[in-house]
Amino acid sequence: MEALKQRIRKDGIVKEGNVLKVDSFLNHQLDIQLFEQMGEEFKRRFEGEEINKILTIEASGIAIACIVARYFNVPVVFAKKSKTKNIAGDVYTSRVESFTHGKVYDIMVSKDFLNPEDKVLIIDDFLANGKALIGLSQIVEDAGATLVGAGIAIEKGFQRGGDLLREIGVRVESLAIVEEMDVEKGIVFRETNQ
């Protein structure tokens, strides 16, 4: 998606350790007009698919997921990273490692919100090593639901996550795939025919 790539080129900051800082528009301060374009593009890419739930993980994926859900006219369910008093009863759980935070989390979704009749689209802001998406996919499988695919804003194509998910049969649609990045060279995108 060219608008997202341009915004990454303009405002993205490459940091040491393969970190792409996009918090001025994607995951701290949010550019809602850009999110609207992203929601429209995900709707186009998954046109014709039966989807009745959007699933994401807290916190950065929630805003994008909400905009995407408007285009599909479905609810958003988000996996929580810690059990709270608001989650009562049985939950689906999975362990995920966050590339950005360098932590392992137990994520959970109440069994009230995912069931075998659901057709689920996962939405997230980043795909690096794929651990969050694998964890979310496991929750969908545990619920007996159908995983339609995963919509990602930015995929780090030089890391293994996207390839791993595609190899296990997950349909991954990434709006911008960063093929290479460093402080000196900047950011190079994979050209796709989307």
N, C-alpha and C. Protein backbone atom coordinates (compact mmCIF):
# COMPACT_ATOMS: atom_id res chain seq x y z
N MET A 1 0.86 -1.17 0.00
CA MET A 1 0.00 0.00 0.00
C MET A 1 0.90 1.23 0.00
N GLU A 2 0.84 1.94 -1.06
CA GLU A 2 1.79 3.03 -1.29
C GLU A 2 1.70 4.14 -0.23
N ALA A 3 0.48 4.48 0.22
CA ALA A 3 0.35 5.55 1.21
C ALA A 3 1.06 5.19 2.51
N LEU A 4 0.97 3.94 2.92
CA LEU A 4 1.65 3.50 4.14
C LEU A 4 3.16 3.50 3.93
N LYS A 5 3.63 3.00 2.79
CA LYS A 5 5.07 3.01 2.50
C LYS A 5 5.63 4.42 2.52
N GLN A 6 4.90 5.36 1.90
CA GLN A 6 5.37 6.76 1.89
C GLN A 6 5.46 7.31 3.31
N ARG A 7 4.48 6.98 4.12
CA ARG A 7 4.48 7.48 5.50
C ARG A 7 5.63 6.87 6.29
N ILE A 8 5.93 5.61 6.06
CA ILE A 8 7.07 4.97 6.74
C ILE A 8 8.36 5.65 6.30
N ARG A 9 8.51 5.89 4.99
CA ARG A 9 9.72 6.57 4.50
C ARG A 9 9.86 7.96 5.11
N LYS A 10 8.75 8.67 5.22
CA LYS A 10 8.77 10.05 5.72
C LYS A 10 9.01 10.12 7.23
N ASP A 11 8.28 9.30 8.00
CA ASP A 11 8.28 9.46 9.45
C ASP A 11 8.85 8.27 10.23
N GLY A 12 9.13 7.17 9.55
CA GLY A 12 9.70 6.01 10.24
C GLY A 12 11.15 6.26 10.62
N ILE A 13 11.56 5.77 11.76
CA ILE A 13 12.93 5.93 12.24
C ILE A 13 13.50 4.53 12.50
N VAL A 14 14.63 4.26 11.85
CA VAL A 14 15.29 2.97 12.04
C VAL A 14 16.20 3.08 13.25
N LYS A 15 16.03 2.13 14.18
CA LYS A 15 16.84 2.10 15.39
C LYS A 15 17.67 0.82 15.38
N GLU A 16 18.72 0.81 16.17
CA GLU A 16 19.56 -0.38 16.29
C GLU A 16 18.72 -1.57 16.75
N GLY A 17 19.12 -2.76 16.34
CA GLY A 17 18.42 -3.98 16.76
C GLY A 17 17.19 -4.30 15.92
N ASN A 18 17.15 -3.82 14.67
CA ASN A 18 16.03 -4.07 13.75
C ASN A 18 14.70 -3.52 14.26
N VAL A 19 14.76 -2.37 14.90
CA VAL A 19 13.55 -1.71 15.39
C VAL A 19 13.17 -0.60 14.41
N LEU A 20 11.92 -0.62 13.97
CA LEU A 20 11.38 0.43 13.13
C LEU A 20 10.38 1.22 13.98
N LYS A 21 10.74 2.46 14.27
CA LYS A 21 9.93 3.31 15.13
C LYS A 21 8.92 4.07 14.27
N VAL A 22 7.65 3.75 14.44
CA VAL A 22 6.58 4.39 13.68
C VAL A 22 5.50 4.92 14.62
N ASP A 23 5.94 5.30 15.81
CA ASP A 23 4.98 5.71 16.83
C ASP A 23 4.35 7.07 16.57
N SER A 24 4.86 7.83 15.60
CA SER A 24 4.25 9.13 15.32
C SER A 24 2.96 9.01 14.51
N PHE A 25 2.68 7.80 13.96
CA PHE A 25 1.46 7.64 13.18
C PHE A 25 0.78 6.28 13.32
N LEU A 26 1.47 5.25 13.86
CA LEU A 26 0.89 3.91 13.84
C LEU A 26 0.60 3.32 15.21
N ASN A 27 1.49 3.50 16.19
CA ASN A 27 1.26 2.77 17.43
C ASN A 27 1.50 3.57 18.71
N HIS A 28 1.43 4.87 18.62
CA HIS A 28 1.40 5.71 19.82
C HIS A 28 0.49 6.90 19.52
N GLN A 29 0.89 7.72 18.58
CA GLN A 29 0.00 8.72 17.99
C GLN A 29 -0.57 8.06 16.73
N LEU A 30 -1.87 8.17 16.53
CA LEU A 30 -2.54 7.40 15.48
C LEU A 30 -3.06 8.32 14.38
N ASP A 31 -2.72 8.01 13.13
CA ASP A 31 -3.22 8.74 11.96
C ASP A 31 -4.47 8.02 11.47
N ILE A 32 -5.62 8.49 11.89
CA ILE A 32 -6.87 7.80 11.61
C ILE A 32 -7.20 7.81 10.12
N GLN A 33 -6.85 8.88 9.39
CA GLN A 33 -7.09 8.89 7.95
C GLN A 33 -6.28 7.77 7.26
N LEU A 34 -5.05 7.57 7.69
CA LEU A 34 -4.24 6.48 7.16
C LEU A 34 -4.86 5.13 7.54
N PHE A 35 -5.33 5.02 8.77
CA PHE A 35 -5.98 3.78 9.22
C PHE A 35 -7.22 3.48 8.36
N GLU A 36 -7.97 4.54 8.00
CA GLU A 36 -9.14 4.35 7.14
C GLU A 36 -8.73 3.74 5.79
N GLN A 37 -7.64 4.25 5.22
CA GLN A 37 -7.13 3.70 3.96
C GLN A 37 -6.69 2.25 4.14
N MET A 38 -6.07 1.97 5.28
CA MET A 38 -5.64 0.60 5.57
C MET A 38 -6.85 -0.33 5.72
N GLY A 39 -7.88 0.13 6.41
CA GLY A 39 -9.10 -0.67 6.56
C GLY A 39 -9.73 -0.97 5.22
N GLU A 40 -9.79 0.02 4.37
CA GLU A 40 -10.34 -0.16 3.03
C GLU A 40 -9.51 -1.17 2.22
N GLU A 41 -8.19 -1.09 2.36
CA GLU A 41 -7.31 -2.02 1.63
C GLU A 41 -7.45 -3.45 2.15
N PHE A 42 -7.55 -3.63 3.46
CA PHE A 42 -7.77 -4.98 3.98
C PHE A 42 -9.12 -5.52 3.50
N LYS A 43 -10.13 -4.68 3.45
CA LYS A 43 -11.44 -5.11 2.93
C LYS A 43 -11.30 -5.56 1.49
N ARG A 44 -10.55 -4.82 0.68
CA ARG A 44 -10.34 -5.19 -0.72
C ARG A 44 -9.61 -6.53 -0.82
N ARG A 45 -8.57 -6.70 -0.02
CA ARG A 45 -7.76 -7.91 -0.10
C ARG A 45 -8.51 -9.16 0.37
N PHE A 46 -9.40 -8.99 1.32
CA PHE A 46 -10.16 -10.14 1.82
C PHE A 46 -11.60 -10.14 1.31
N GLU A 47 -11.85 -9.42 0.23
CA GLU A 47 -13.17 -9.36 -0.39
C GLU A 47 -13.64 -10.77 -0.73
N GLY A 48 -14.89 -11.05 -0.42
CA GLY A 48 -15.46 -12.35 -0.75
C GLY A 48 -15.25 -13.40 0.32
N GLU A 49 -14.41 -13.13 1.30
CA GLU A 49 -14.20 -14.07 2.40
C GLU A 49 -15.29 -13.86 3.45
N GLU A 50 -15.74 -14.96 4.02
CA GLU A 50 -16.72 -14.87 5.10
C GLU A 50 -15.95 -14.61 6.40
N ILE A 51 -16.15 -13.44 6.97
CA ILE A 51 -15.47 -13.03 8.20
C ILE A 51 -16.53 -12.49 9.15
N ASN A 52 -16.56 -13.01 10.38
CA ASN A 52 -17.52 -12.47 11.35
C ASN A 52 -16.86 -12.01 12.65
N LYS A 53 -15.52 -12.14 12.74
CA LYS A 53 -14.79 -11.62 13.91
C LYS A 53 -13.41 -11.14 13.45
N ILE A 54 -12.98 -10.06 14.06
CA ILE A 54 -11.60 -9.59 13.93
C ILE A 54 -10.94 -9.89 15.27
N LEU A 55 -9.74 -10.49 15.22
CA LEU A 55 -8.98 -10.80 16.44
C LEU A 55 -7.65 -10.09 16.38
N THR A 56 -7.27 -9.48 17.49
CA THR A 56 -5.97 -8.83 17.60
C THR A 56 -5.44 -9.06 19.00
N ILE A 57 -4.30 -8.43 19.27
CA ILE A 57 -3.67 -8.55 20.58
C ILE A 57 -3.45 -7.15 21.13
N GLU A 58 -3.62 -6.99 22.44
CA GLU A 58 -3.39 -5.65 22.98
C GLU A 58 -1.91 -5.31 22.92
N ALA A 59 -1.53 -4.09 22.74
CA ALA A 59 -2.38 -2.94 22.66
C ALA A 59 -2.36 -2.32 21.27
N SER A 60 -1.23 -2.36 20.59
CA SER A 60 -1.08 -1.60 19.34
C SER A 60 -1.97 -2.07 18.21
N GLY A 61 -2.40 -3.31 18.21
CA GLY A 61 -3.25 -3.80 17.13
C GLY A 61 -4.70 -3.36 17.24
N ILE A 62 -5.12 -2.91 18.41
CA ILE A 62 -6.54 -2.65 18.65
C ILE A 62 -7.08 -1.53 17.76
N ALA A 63 -6.36 -0.43 17.64
CA ALA A 63 -6.88 0.70 16.86
C ALA A 63 -7.06 0.33 15.40
N ILE A 64 -6.07 -0.34 14.82
CA ILE A 64 -6.18 -0.75 13.42
C ILE A 64 -7.34 -1.74 13.28
N ALA A 65 -7.42 -2.69 14.19
CA ALA A 65 -8.48 -3.71 14.13
C ALA A 65 -9.86 -3.07 14.16
N CYS A 66 -10.03 -2.03 14.96
CA CYS A 66 -11.33 -1.37 15.07
C CYS A 66 -11.73 -0.72 13.74
N ILE A 67 -10.79 -0.09 13.08
CA ILE A 67 -11.09 0.52 11.78
C ILE A 67 -11.41 -0.56 10.76
N VAL A 68 -10.61 -1.62 10.73
CA VAL A 68 -10.87 -2.73 9.80
C VAL A 68 -12.25 -3.32 10.06
N ALA A 69 -12.60 -3.49 11.31
CA ALA A 69 -13.90 -4.08 11.68
C ALA A 69 -15.07 -3.26 11.13
N ARG A 70 -14.89 -1.95 11.05
CA ARG A 70 -15.95 -1.11 10.46
C ARG A 70 -16.21 -1.50 9.02
N TYR A 71 -15.15 -1.82 8.28
CA TYR A 71 -15.31 -2.18 6.87
C TYR A 71 -15.97 -3.55 6.70
N PHE A 72 -15.78 -4.43 7.66
CA PHE A 72 -16.40 -5.76 7.59
C PHE A 72 -17.71 -5.83 8.38
N ASN A 73 -17.98 -4.77 9.16
CA ASN A 73 -19.19 -4.70 9.98
C ASN A 73 -19.28 -5.88 10.95
N VAL A 74 -18.16 -6.11 11.66
CA VAL A 74 -18.06 -7.22 12.61
C VAL A 74 -17.41 -6.71 13.90
N PRO A 75 -17.54 -7.47 15.00
CA PRO A 75 -16.89 -7.06 16.24
C PRO A 75 -15.40 -7.39 16.27
N VAL A 76 -14.70 -6.70 17.16
CA VAL A 76 -13.28 -6.95 17.42
C VAL A 76 -13.17 -7.65 18.76
N VAL A 77 -12.36 -8.69 18.79
CA VAL A 77 -11.99 -9.36 20.03
C VAL A 77 -10.49 -9.17 20.17
N PHE A 78 -10.03 -8.75 21.37
CA PHE A 78 -8.59 -8.66 21.52
C PHE A 78 -8.10 -9.53 22.66
N ALA A 79 -6.97 -10.17 22.39
CA ALA A 79 -6.33 -11.01 23.41
C ALA A 79 -5.67 -10.11 24.43
N LYS A 80 -5.92 -10.41 25.68
CA LYS A 80 -5.32 -9.64 26.77
C LYS A 80 -4.02 -10.30 27.20
N LYS A 81 -3.10 -9.46 27.67
CA LYS A 81 -1.79 -9.96 28.11
C LYS A 81 -1.74 -10.24 29.60
N SER A 82 -2.80 -9.93 30.30
CA SER A 82 -2.83 -10.25 31.72
C SER A 82 -4.28 -10.47 32.14
N LYS A 83 -4.48 -11.38 33.04
CA LYS A 83 -5.83 -11.68 33.52
C LYS A 83 -6.29 -10.55 34.43
N THR A 84 -7.49 -10.09 34.19
CA THR A 84 -8.06 -9.01 35.00
C THR A 84 -9.38 -9.49 35.60
N LYS A 85 -9.95 -8.69 36.44
CA LYS A 85 -11.25 -9.02 37.03
C LYS A 85 -12.35 -9.04 35.97
N ASN A 86 -12.10 -8.36 34.84
CA ASN A 86 -13.09 -8.32 33.77
C ASN A 86 -13.20 -9.64 33.03
N ILE A 87 -12.18 -10.47 33.09
CA ILE A 87 -12.23 -11.77 32.43
C ILE A 87 -12.66 -12.80 33.46
N ALA A 88 -13.91 -13.20 33.34
CA ALA A 88 -14.45 -14.20 34.27
C ALA A 88 -14.66 -15.49 33.49
N GLY A 89 -14.49 -16.59 34.15
CA GLY A 89 -14.77 -17.87 33.52
C GLY A 89 -13.59 -18.40 32.72
N ASP A 90 -13.92 -19.28 31.78
CA ASP A 90 -12.90 -19.97 31.01
C ASP A 90 -12.31 -19.08 29.93
N VAL A 91 -11.03 -19.31 29.66
CA VAL A 91 -10.33 -18.54 28.63
C VAL A 91 -9.49 -19.49 27.77
N TYR A 92 -9.27 -19.07 26.55
CA TYR A 92 -8.27 -19.69 25.69
C TYR A 92 -6.97 -18.96 25.96
N THR A 93 -5.87 -19.69 26.10
CA THR A 93 -4.59 -19.04 26.39
C THR A 93 -3.52 -19.57 25.44
N SER A 94 -2.51 -18.73 25.28
CA SER A 94 -1.34 -19.10 24.49
C SER A 94 -0.18 -18.24 24.99
N ARG A 95 1.02 -18.75 24.83
CA ARG A 95 2.22 -17.98 25.21
C ARG A 95 2.82 -17.36 23.97
N VAL A 96 3.13 -16.07 24.04
CA VAL A 96 3.75 -15.38 22.91
C VAL A 96 4.94 -14.57 23.39
N GLU A 97 5.91 -14.44 22.51
CA GLU A 97 7.08 -13.63 22.80
C GLU A 97 6.99 -12.37 21.95
N SER A 98 7.11 -11.22 22.58
CA SER A 98 7.08 -9.94 21.88
C SER A 98 8.49 -9.56 21.44
N PHE A 99 8.68 -9.39 20.12
CA PHE A 99 9.97 -8.95 19.61
C PHE A 99 10.32 -7.57 20.15
N THR A 100 9.35 -6.66 20.10
CA THR A 100 9.58 -5.28 20.51
C THR A 100 9.91 -5.16 21.99
N HIS A 101 9.16 -5.88 22.82
CA HIS A 101 9.33 -5.74 24.27
C HIS A 101 10.31 -6.76 24.85
N GLY A 102 10.66 -7.78 24.08
CA GLY A 102 11.57 -8.80 24.59
C GLY A 102 11.03 -9.54 25.79
N LYS A 103 9.71 -9.73 25.82
CA LYS A 103 9.06 -10.43 26.94
C LYS A 103 8.19 -11.55 26.41
N VAL A 104 7.93 -12.52 27.27
CA VAL A 104 6.99 -13.59 26.97
C VAL A 104 5.71 -13.31 27.76
N TYR A 105 4.58 -13.38 27.06
CA TYR A 105 3.29 -13.11 27.68
C TYR A 105 2.39 -14.33 27.55
N ASP A 106 1.53 -14.52 28.54
CA ASP A 106 0.40 -15.42 28.39
C ASP A 106 -0.74 -14.55 27.90
N ILE A 107 -1.22 -14.82 26.67
CA ILE A 107 -2.36 -14.05 26.17
C ILE A 107 -3.61 -14.87 26.36
N MET A 108 -4.73 -14.19 26.51
CA MET A 108 -5.98 -14.90 26.77
C MET A 108 -7.17 -14.19 26.13
N VAL A 109 -8.12 -15.02 25.72
CA VAL A 109 -9.39 -14.56 25.18
C VAL A 109 -10.48 -15.36 25.88
N SER A 110 -11.49 -14.66 26.34
CA SER A 110 -12.62 -15.33 26.99
C SER A 110 -13.30 -16.28 26.00
N LYS A 111 -13.65 -17.46 26.48
CA LYS A 111 -14.34 -18.43 25.64
C LYS A 111 -15.73 -17.94 25.22
N ASP A 112 -16.22 -16.88 25.87
CA ASP A 112 -17.50 -16.29 25.49
C ASP A 112 -17.46 -15.64 24.11
N PHE A 113 -16.26 -15.28 23.64
CA PHE A 113 -16.17 -14.44 22.44
C PHE A 113 -15.60 -15.13 21.21
N LEU A 114 -15.19 -16.37 21.31
CA LEU A 114 -14.76 -17.15 20.14
C LEU A 114 -15.39 -18.53 20.23
N ASN A 115 -15.98 -18.97 19.12
CA ASN A 115 -16.61 -20.28 19.11
C ASN A 115 -16.44 -20.93 17.75
N PRO A 116 -16.82 -22.20 17.62
CA PRO A 116 -16.58 -22.93 16.38
C PRO A 116 -17.24 -22.34 15.13
N GLU A 117 -18.28 -21.55 15.28
CA GLU A 117 -18.94 -20.94 14.12
C GLU A 117 -18.20 -19.73 13.58
N ASP A 118 -17.21 -19.21 14.31
CA ASP A 118 -16.55 -17.98 13.92
C ASP A 118 -15.57 -18.17 12.77
N LYS A 119 -15.56 -17.16 11.88
CA LYS A 119 -14.60 -17.05 10.77
C LYS A 119 -13.77 -15.81 11.09
N VAL A 120 -12.51 -16.02 11.43
CA VAL A 120 -11.69 -15.00 12.09
C VAL A 120 -10.62 -14.43 11.16
N LEU A 121 -10.52 -13.12 11.17
CA LEU A 121 -9.42 -12.41 10.52
C LEU A 121 -8.58 -11.78 11.62
N ILE A 122 -7.31 -12.14 11.67
CA ILE A 122 -6.38 -11.55 12.64
C ILE A 122 -5.82 -10.26 12.03
N ILE A 123 -5.76 -9.21 12.83
CA ILE A 123 -5.18 -7.93 12.39
C ILE A 123 -4.12 -7.53 13.41
N ASP A 124 -2.95 -7.08 12.91
CA ASP A 124 -1.92 -6.59 13.82
C ASP A 124 -1.09 -5.51 13.14
N ASP A 125 -0.37 -4.74 13.95
CA ASP A 125 0.43 -3.64 13.40
C ASP A 125 1.74 -4.13 12.79
N PHE A 126 2.41 -5.08 13.44
CA PHE A 126 3.71 -5.56 12.98
C PHE A 126 3.75 -7.08 12.90
N LEU A 127 4.55 -7.58 11.98
CA LEU A 127 4.90 -8.99 11.92
C LEU A 127 6.41 -9.06 11.79
N ALA A 128 7.06 -9.61 12.82
CA ALA A 128 8.52 -9.77 12.82
C ALA A 128 8.84 -11.26 12.84
N ASN A 129 8.90 -11.83 14.02
CA ASN A 129 9.20 -13.26 14.15
C ASN A 129 7.96 -14.15 14.11
N GLY A 130 6.79 -13.54 14.15
CA GLY A 130 5.54 -14.28 14.00
C GLY A 130 4.98 -14.89 15.26
N LYS A 131 5.61 -14.65 16.39
CA LYS A 131 5.17 -15.30 17.63
C LYS A 131 3.76 -14.88 18.05
N ALA A 132 3.43 -13.59 17.92
CA ALA A 132 2.09 -13.14 18.30
C ALA A 132 1.04 -13.76 17.41
N LEU A 133 1.29 -13.80 16.10
CA LEU A 133 0.32 -14.38 15.19
C LEU A 133 0.17 -15.89 15.39
N ILE A 134 1.25 -16.56 15.68
CA ILE A 134 1.16 -17.99 15.96
C ILE A 134 0.33 -18.22 17.22
N GLY A 135 0.54 -17.39 18.24
CA GLY A 135 -0.25 -17.50 19.47
C GLY A 135 -1.73 -17.23 19.23
N LEU A 136 -2.02 -16.19 18.44
CA LEU A 136 -3.42 -15.89 18.11
C LEU A 136 -4.04 -17.01 17.27
N SER A 137 -3.26 -17.55 16.34
CA SER A 137 -3.74 -18.66 15.51
C SER A 137 -4.08 -19.87 16.37
N GLN A 138 -3.26 -20.11 17.39
CA GLN A 138 -3.50 -21.23 18.30
C GLN A 138 -4.81 -21.04 19.06
N ILE A 139 -5.07 -19.81 19.47
CA ILE A 139 -6.33 -19.53 20.17
C ILE A 139 -7.52 -19.78 19.24
N VAL A 140 -7.41 -19.35 17.98
CA VAL A 140 -8.49 -19.61 17.01
C VAL A 140 -8.71 -21.10 16.86
N GLU A 141 -7.61 -21.86 16.72
CA GLU A 141 -7.70 -23.31 16.59
C GLU A 141 -8.32 -23.94 17.83
N ASP A 142 -7.88 -23.50 19.01
CA ASP A 142 -8.42 -24.05 20.26
C ASP A 142 -9.92 -23.81 20.38
N ALA A 143 -10.38 -22.69 19.82
CA ALA A 143 -11.81 -22.36 19.87
C ALA A 143 -12.61 -23.17 18.86
N GLY A 144 -11.91 -23.87 17.96
CA GLY A 144 -12.60 -24.60 16.91
C GLY A 144 -13.08 -23.70 15.79
N ALA A 145 -12.64 -22.44 15.81
CA ALA A 145 -13.04 -21.46 14.80
C ALA A 145 -12.17 -21.63 13.55
N THR A 146 -12.52 -20.90 12.50
CA THR A 146 -11.78 -20.94 11.24
C THR A 146 -10.95 -19.68 11.10
N LEU A 147 -9.66 -19.84 10.85
CA LEU A 147 -8.78 -18.70 10.60
C LEU A 147 -8.81 -18.40 9.11
N VAL A 148 -9.37 -17.26 8.76
CA VAL A 148 -9.46 -16.85 7.36
C VAL A 148 -8.12 -16.32 6.87
N GLY A 149 -7.42 -15.59 7.74
CA GLY A 149 -6.13 -15.03 7.36
C GLY A 149 -5.68 -14.01 8.38
N ALA A 150 -4.56 -13.35 8.03
CA ALA A 150 -3.99 -12.32 8.90
C ALA A 150 -3.67 -11.09 8.06
N GLY A 151 -4.12 -9.95 8.52
CA GLY A 151 -3.82 -8.67 7.89
C GLY A 151 -2.82 -7.92 8.75
N ILE A 152 -1.69 -7.56 8.14
CA ILE A 152 -0.60 -6.93 8.87
C ILE A 152 -0.30 -5.57 8.26
N ALA A 153 -0.13 -4.56 9.09
CA ALA A 153 0.25 -3.25 8.56
C ALA A 153 1.67 -3.31 8.02
N ILE A 154 2.65 -3.67 8.87
CA ILE A 154 4.06 -3.69 8.45
C ILE A 154 4.66 -5.05 8.78
N GLU A 155 5.18 -5.70 7.76
CA GLU A 155 5.89 -6.96 7.94
C GLU A 155 7.38 -6.73 7.73
N LYS A 156 8.18 -7.26 8.62
CA LYS A 156 9.63 -7.23 8.44
C LYS A 156 10.00 -8.49 7.66
N GLY A 157 10.11 -8.35 6.34
CA GLY A 157 10.34 -9.47 5.46
C GLY A 157 11.69 -10.14 5.66
N PHE A 158 12.62 -9.43 6.27
CA PHE A 158 13.95 -9.99 6.52
C PHE A 158 13.98 -10.84 7.79
N GLN A 159 12.87 -10.86 8.53
CA GLN A 159 12.75 -11.75 9.67
C GLN A 159 11.84 -12.91 9.26
N ARG A 160 11.83 -13.95 9.99
CA ARG A 160 11.27 -15.23 9.55
C ARG A 160 9.75 -15.37 9.72
N GLY A 161 9.12 -14.48 10.46
CA GLY A 161 7.72 -14.67 10.82
C GLY A 161 6.75 -14.86 9.67
N GLY A 162 6.80 -13.98 8.68
CA GLY A 162 5.87 -14.07 7.56
C GLY A 162 6.04 -15.36 6.78
N ASP A 163 7.29 -15.73 6.51
CA ASP A 163 7.54 -16.98 5.78
C ASP A 163 7.04 -18.18 6.57
N LEU A 164 7.30 -18.18 7.87
CA LEU A 164 6.87 -19.29 8.73
C LEU A 164 5.35 -19.46 8.70
N LEU A 165 4.63 -18.36 8.83
CA LEU A 165 3.17 -18.43 8.82
C LEU A 165 2.64 -18.91 7.48
N ARG A 166 3.21 -18.40 6.39
CA ARG A 166 2.78 -18.82 5.07
C ARG A 166 3.06 -20.31 4.86
N GLU A 167 4.20 -20.79 5.38
CA GLU A 167 4.55 -22.21 5.25
C GLU A 167 3.57 -23.12 5.95
N ILE A 168 2.98 -22.65 7.05
CA ILE A 168 2.00 -23.49 7.77
C ILE A 168 0.57 -23.24 7.27
N GLY A 169 0.45 -22.50 6.17
CA GLY A 169 -0.84 -22.34 5.52
C GLY A 169 -1.67 -21.15 5.91
N VAL A 170 -1.11 -20.19 6.66
CA VAL A 170 -1.87 -19.00 7.02
C VAL A 170 -1.76 -17.99 5.87
N ARG A 171 -2.89 -17.49 5.43
CA ARG A 171 -2.90 -16.43 4.42
C ARG A 171 -2.51 -15.12 5.12
N VAL A 172 -1.37 -14.58 4.73
CA VAL A 172 -0.88 -13.33 5.32
C VAL A 172 -0.91 -12.25 4.25
N GLU A 173 -1.60 -11.15 4.55
CA GLU A 173 -1.66 -9.99 3.67
C GLU A 173 -1.04 -8.82 4.42
N SER A 174 0.14 -8.41 3.97
CA SER A 174 0.86 -7.30 4.61
C SER A 174 0.81 -6.08 3.71
N LEU A 175 0.48 -4.92 4.28
CA LEU A 175 0.34 -3.71 3.49
C LEU A 175 1.69 -3.12 3.10
N ALA A 176 2.71 -3.33 3.91
CA ALA A 176 4.07 -2.88 3.59
C ALA A 176 5.03 -3.94 4.11
N ILE A 177 5.86 -4.47 3.22
CA ILE A 177 6.86 -5.46 3.63
C ILE A 177 8.23 -4.81 3.53
N VAL A 178 8.86 -4.63 4.68
CA VAL A 178 10.20 -4.04 4.74
C VAL A 178 11.20 -5.17 4.48
N GLU A 179 11.93 -5.04 3.39
CA GLU A 179 12.88 -6.08 3.00
C GLU A 179 14.24 -5.87 3.66
N GLU A 180 14.56 -4.60 3.90
CA GLU A 180 15.87 -4.28 4.47
C GLU A 180 15.77 -2.92 5.14
N MET A 181 16.49 -2.76 6.23
CA MET A 181 16.54 -1.45 6.87
C MET A 181 17.79 -1.35 7.73
N ASP A 182 18.38 -0.20 7.70
CA ASP A 182 19.45 0.12 8.65
C ASP A 182 19.57 1.62 8.76
N VAL A 183 20.26 2.05 9.78
CA VAL A 183 20.36 3.47 10.09
C VAL A 183 20.95 4.25 8.92
N GLU A 184 21.92 3.67 8.22
CA GLU A 184 22.60 4.34 7.11
C GLU A 184 21.77 4.34 5.82
N LYS A 185 21.31 3.15 5.41
CA LYS A 185 20.62 2.99 4.12
C LYS A 185 19.16 3.39 4.15
N GLY A 186 18.58 3.39 5.31
CA GLY A 186 17.15 3.66 5.41
C GLY A 186 16.32 2.40 5.27
N ILE A 187 15.22 2.48 4.55
CA ILE A 187 14.25 1.40 4.47
C ILE A 187 14.02 1.01 3.00
N VAL A 188 14.10 -0.30 2.75
CA VAL A 188 13.84 -0.83 1.40
C VAL A 188 12.62 -1.75 1.49
N PHE A 189 11.65 -1.52 0.61
CA PHE A 189 10.43 -2.31 0.61
C PHE A 189 10.46 -3.39 -0.45
N ARG A 190 9.83 -4.51 -0.15
CA ARG A 190 9.61 -5.56 -1.15
C ARG A 190 8.48 -5.09 -2.05
N GLU A 191 8.69 -5.19 -3.33
CA GLU A 191 7.64 -4.84 -4.26
C GLU A 191 6.71 -6.02 -4.42
N THR A 192 5.43 -5.78 -4.28
CA THR A 192 4.43 -6.83 -4.41
C THR A 192 3.41 -6.42 -5.46
N ASN A 193 2.70 -7.37 -5.98
CA ASN A 193 1.68 -7.09 -6.99
C ASN A 193 0.29 -7.09 -6.37
N GLN A 194 0.14 -6.43 -5.27
CA GLN A 194 -1.17 -6.39 -4.60
C GLN A 194 -1.98 -5.30 -5.21
